[in-house]
N, C-alpha and C. Protein backbone atom coordinates (compact mmCIF):
# COMPACT_ATOMS: atom_id res chain seq x y z
N MET A 1 15.33 -18.04 -8.37
CA MET A 1 14.24 -17.65 -9.73
C MET A 1 12.86 -17.70 -8.74
N ILE A 2 11.75 -16.77 -8.84
CA ILE A 2 10.60 -16.81 -8.79
C ILE A 2 9.42 -17.59 -9.69
N SER A 3 9.31 -18.03 -9.01
CA SER A 3 8.03 -19.26 -10.18
C SER A 3 7.03 -18.62 -10.69
N LEU A 4 6.85 -18.81 -12.03
CA LEU A 4 5.64 -18.38 -12.62
C LEU A 4 4.37 -17.60 -11.73
N SER A 5 3.59 -19.22 -11.49
CA SER A 5 2.63 -19.01 -10.13
C SER A 5 3.10 -17.95 -9.08
N LEU A 6 4.20 -17.99 -8.47
CA LEU A 6 4.20 -16.92 -7.39
C LEU A 6 3.90 -15.75 -8.00
N GLN A 7 4.68 -15.14 -9.52
CA GLN A 7 4.84 -13.61 -9.50
C GLN A 7 3.72 -13.61 -10.37
N LEU A 8 2.31 -14.97 -10.79
CA LEU A 8 1.25 -13.83 -10.51
C LEU A 8 0.33 -13.99 -10.00
N LYS A 9 0.49 -14.46 -8.79
CA LYS A 9 0.30 -14.19 -7.46
C LYS A 9 0.39 -12.46 -6.44
N ILE A 10 1.50 -12.46 -6.84
CA ILE A 10 2.21 -11.06 -6.32
C ILE A 10 1.62 -9.91 -7.34
N ILE A 11 1.28 -10.29 -9.09
CA ILE A 11 1.27 -9.40 -9.35
C ILE A 11 -0.60 -9.16 -9.43
N LEU A 12 -1.25 -10.12 -8.98
CA LEU A 12 -3.03 -10.05 -8.89
C LEU A 12 -2.76 -9.38 -7.38
N PHE A 13 -1.80 -9.66 -6.41
CA PHE A 13 -1.88 -8.78 -5.74
C PHE A 13 -2.14 -7.59 -5.56
N SER A 14 -0.85 -7.36 -5.97
CA SER A 14 -0.26 -5.69 -6.11
C SER A 14 -1.62 -5.12 -6.95
N TRP A 15 -2.32 -5.88 -7.60
CA TRP A 15 -3.32 -4.80 -8.89
C TRP A 15 -4.62 -4.82 -7.88
N ILE A 16 -4.94 -6.13 -7.11
CA ILE A 16 -6.24 -5.59 -5.87
C ILE A 16 -5.65 -4.25 -4.95
N TYR A 17 -4.30 -4.49 -4.62
CA TYR A 17 -3.79 -3.47 -2.66
C TYR A 17 -4.06 -1.65 -3.93
N GLY A 18 -3.63 -1.80 -5.20
CA GLY A 18 -3.32 -0.41 -5.73
C GLY A 18 -5.16 -0.24 -5.67
N ILE A 19 -6.14 -1.16 -6.10
CA ILE A 19 -7.50 -0.26 -5.57
C ILE A 19 -8.06 0.03 -4.66
N PHE A 20 -7.34 -1.03 -3.24
CA PHE A 20 -7.19 -0.47 -1.68
C PHE A 20 -6.85 0.88 -1.24
N ILE A 21 -5.54 1.19 -2.50
CA ILE A 21 -5.41 2.15 -1.92
C ILE A 21 -5.84 3.37 -2.57
N TYR A 22 -6.12 2.85 -3.65
CA TYR A 22 -7.56 4.53 -4.22
C TYR A 22 -8.64 4.56 -3.48
N LEU A 23 -8.76 3.52 -2.93
CA LEU A 23 -10.37 3.65 -1.67
C LEU A 23 -9.83 4.38 -0.46
N VAL A 24 -8.49 4.38 -0.04
CA VAL A 24 -8.19 4.72 1.16
C VAL A 24 -7.51 6.10 0.70
N TYR A 25 -7.11 6.26 -0.74
CA TYR A 25 -7.34 8.03 -0.69
C TYR A 25 -8.53 8.73 -1.02
N ARG A 26 -9.14 8.29 -1.46
CA ARG A 26 -10.85 8.48 -1.49
C ARG A 26 -11.52 8.97 0.14
N ILE A 27 -10.75 8.08 0.65
CA ILE A 27 -11.48 8.30 2.39
C ILE A 27 -11.31 9.30 2.52
N PHE A 28 -9.64 9.21 2.86
CA PHE A 28 -8.90 10.22 3.71
C PHE A 28 -8.40 11.43 2.84
N LYS A 29 -8.99 11.31 1.74
CA LYS A 29 -8.66 12.81 1.08
C LYS A 29 -9.06 14.13 2.04
N LYS A 30 -10.49 14.11 2.36
CA LYS A 30 -10.32 15.35 3.32
C LYS A 30 -9.63 15.60 5.02
N ALA A 31 -9.17 14.34 5.06
CA ALA A 31 -7.79 14.41 6.35
C ALA A 31 -6.88 14.98 6.24
N ILE A 32 -6.40 15.09 4.37
CA ILE A 32 -5.23 15.47 3.62
C ILE A 32 -5.61 16.62 3.28
N TYR A 33 -6.82 17.22 2.75
CA TYR A 33 -6.24 18.29 2.14
C TYR A 33 -7.27 19.54 3.04
N ASP A 34 -8.37 19.11 3.59
CA ASP A 34 -8.61 20.38 4.42
C ASP A 34 -8.24 20.74 5.92
N VAL A 35 -7.17 20.23 6.11
CA VAL A 35 -6.47 21.14 7.28
C VAL A 35 -5.45 21.52 7.08
N LYS A 36 -4.36 22.30 8.44
CA LYS A 36 -3.72 22.79 8.13
C LYS A 36 -2.16 22.37 7.36
N ILE A 37 -0.94 22.94 6.59
CA ILE A 37 -0.32 22.32 5.65
C ILE A 37 0.62 21.26 7.06
N ILE A 38 0.81 21.47 8.61
CA ILE A 38 1.58 20.84 9.47
C ILE A 38 0.49 19.53 9.27
N PHE A 39 -0.42 19.39 9.41
CA PHE A 39 -1.49 18.27 9.66
C PHE A 39 -1.49 17.55 8.42
N ARG A 40 -0.93 18.26 6.95
CA ARG A 40 -1.25 17.72 5.98
C ARG A 40 -0.33 17.01 5.76
N ILE A 41 0.93 17.44 6.26
CA ILE A 41 2.48 16.47 6.15
C ILE A 41 1.83 15.13 7.23
N ILE A 42 2.02 15.40 7.95
CA ILE A 42 1.58 14.28 9.17
C ILE A 42 0.62 13.17 8.62
N ASN A 43 -0.70 13.45 8.49
CA ASN A 43 -1.46 12.94 7.88
C ASN A 43 -1.08 12.04 6.33
N SER A 44 -0.31 13.05 5.51
CA SER A 44 -0.27 12.03 4.47
C SER A 44 0.95 10.73 4.87
N PHE A 45 2.04 11.57 5.37
CA PHE A 45 3.15 10.49 5.94
C PHE A 45 2.55 9.42 6.49
N SER A 46 1.44 9.74 7.50
CA SER A 46 0.95 8.71 8.34
C SER A 46 0.61 7.29 7.32
N ILE A 47 -0.43 8.24 6.26
CA ILE A 47 -1.12 7.35 5.11
C ILE A 47 -0.25 6.15 4.80
N ILE A 48 0.61 6.87 3.98
CA ILE A 48 1.85 6.46 3.18
C ILE A 48 2.77 5.12 3.96
N MET A 49 3.00 5.47 4.65
CA MET A 49 3.86 4.77 5.86
C MET A 49 2.81 3.50 5.83
N GLY A 50 1.72 3.80 6.61
CA GLY A 50 1.23 2.26 6.87
C GLY A 50 0.71 1.48 6.02
N VAL A 51 0.05 2.22 4.24
CA VAL A 51 -0.34 1.55 3.01
C VAL A 51 1.31 1.13 2.70
N THR A 52 2.25 1.23 2.68
CA THR A 52 3.83 1.02 2.59
C THR A 52 4.16 -0.71 3.25
N LEU A 53 3.98 -0.28 4.84
CA LEU A 53 4.22 -1.17 5.48
C LEU A 53 3.40 -2.57 5.85
N VAL A 54 2.00 -2.45 5.36
CA VAL A 54 0.83 -3.51 5.17
C VAL A 54 1.31 -4.27 3.38
N TYR A 55 1.31 -3.21 2.81
CA TYR A 55 1.86 -3.90 1.51
C TYR A 55 3.12 -5.08 1.12
N PHE A 56 3.78 -4.51 2.46
CA PHE A 56 5.37 -5.45 2.35
C PHE A 56 5.18 -6.51 3.27
N PHE A 57 4.39 -6.35 3.85
CA PHE A 57 3.67 -7.24 4.81
C PHE A 57 3.32 -8.29 4.45
N PHE A 58 2.42 -8.34 3.31
CA PHE A 58 1.72 -8.95 2.42
C PHE A 58 2.31 -9.50 1.62
N ILE A 59 2.91 -8.87 1.09
CA ILE A 59 4.34 -9.46 -0.09
C ILE A 59 4.91 -10.39 0.74
N GLU A 60 5.49 -10.30 1.82
CA GLU A 60 6.44 -11.20 2.64
C GLU A 60 5.66 -12.38 2.73
N LYS A 61 4.37 -12.46 2.92
CA LYS A 61 3.47 -13.54 3.59
C LYS A 61 3.40 -14.09 1.88
N ILE A 62 3.09 -13.53 0.92
CA ILE A 62 2.40 -14.51 -0.18
C ILE A 62 4.02 -15.11 -1.06
N ALA A 63 4.81 -14.32 -0.98
CA ALA A 63 6.03 -14.82 -1.57
C ALA A 63 7.38 -15.50 -0.41
N TYR A 64 6.31 -15.86 0.66
CA TYR A 64 7.77 -16.86 1.63
C TYR A 64 9.22 -16.11 2.46
N GLY A 65 8.84 -14.69 1.95
CA GLY A 65 10.05 -14.27 2.25
C GLY A 65 11.44 -13.48 1.27
N VAL A 66 10.69 -14.11 0.03
CA VAL A 66 11.39 -13.96 -1.15
C VAL A 66 10.50 -12.36 -1.77
N PHE A 67 11.38 -10.94 -1.66
CA PHE A 67 12.05 -9.95 -2.54
C PHE A 67 12.42 -10.24 -4.43
N HIS A 68 11.78 -9.39 -4.54
CA HIS A 68 12.57 -9.76 -6.16
C HIS A 68 13.52 -8.36 -6.24
């Protein structure tokens, strides 16, 4: 079972990371929507994979390898 302090750290990190994802979306909005469909798919996939991998990397570091 995860301690309460660790849960609060994860929730706080997730909230801050959500703001980061919003800012990344705003920055890359032109790269996602102002190109041909194949580049939209590639750009969207790349951004989603990068953001997801970074998120899980930091959650692993915060939670010492314990996922819920």
